Amino acid sequence: MKTQNQNSVQDQNAICDNNMLVAGIISYEGRQWLAEEYSEEIGNGAWMASPIYHTDNGLEVRPAGGNWCFKSRGAVPSILEPKKKKEVYESWIKHLKKTINFLKGKFPEVELDYKNKISFWQSLADACH
């Protein structure tokens, strides 16, 4: 399966060639999701995503592996004000850091992948003004 993800601040809006969001915030089934990656090959376009919750402490992403949000069923890029977007990204980074602490020394290749993911999402959070 071919997926796309951008790795630079220059691509902070994470736009791919067909002007569809690769990673960021999407709306699907009446709620907002953090899209981790995009695949054109799944259901004619879908994002792997985790739900965003409104909590007493602000916005929080709760990892929920395996959620595909399909363009054909109404998934679309969503707009959040920069402060809220940064809150979502930082929540996701917190989760990734917990995961990498669990992986330390056990699976070096996976640990490196998570370090790259943290760097990517941190670059998006840093770009929020």
Foldseek 3Di string as FASTA:
>chain_A
DDKDDDQALVCLQCADPVRAHAFAWKDAPHFIWTFDIWDCPPQNIWTFTFGWDQDPVGIATDDDGPDIGGVVRPIGHDDDQLVNRLVHLVNVLVVLVVVLVVCPPPDVVVNVVSVSSSNRSVSSSVSRD
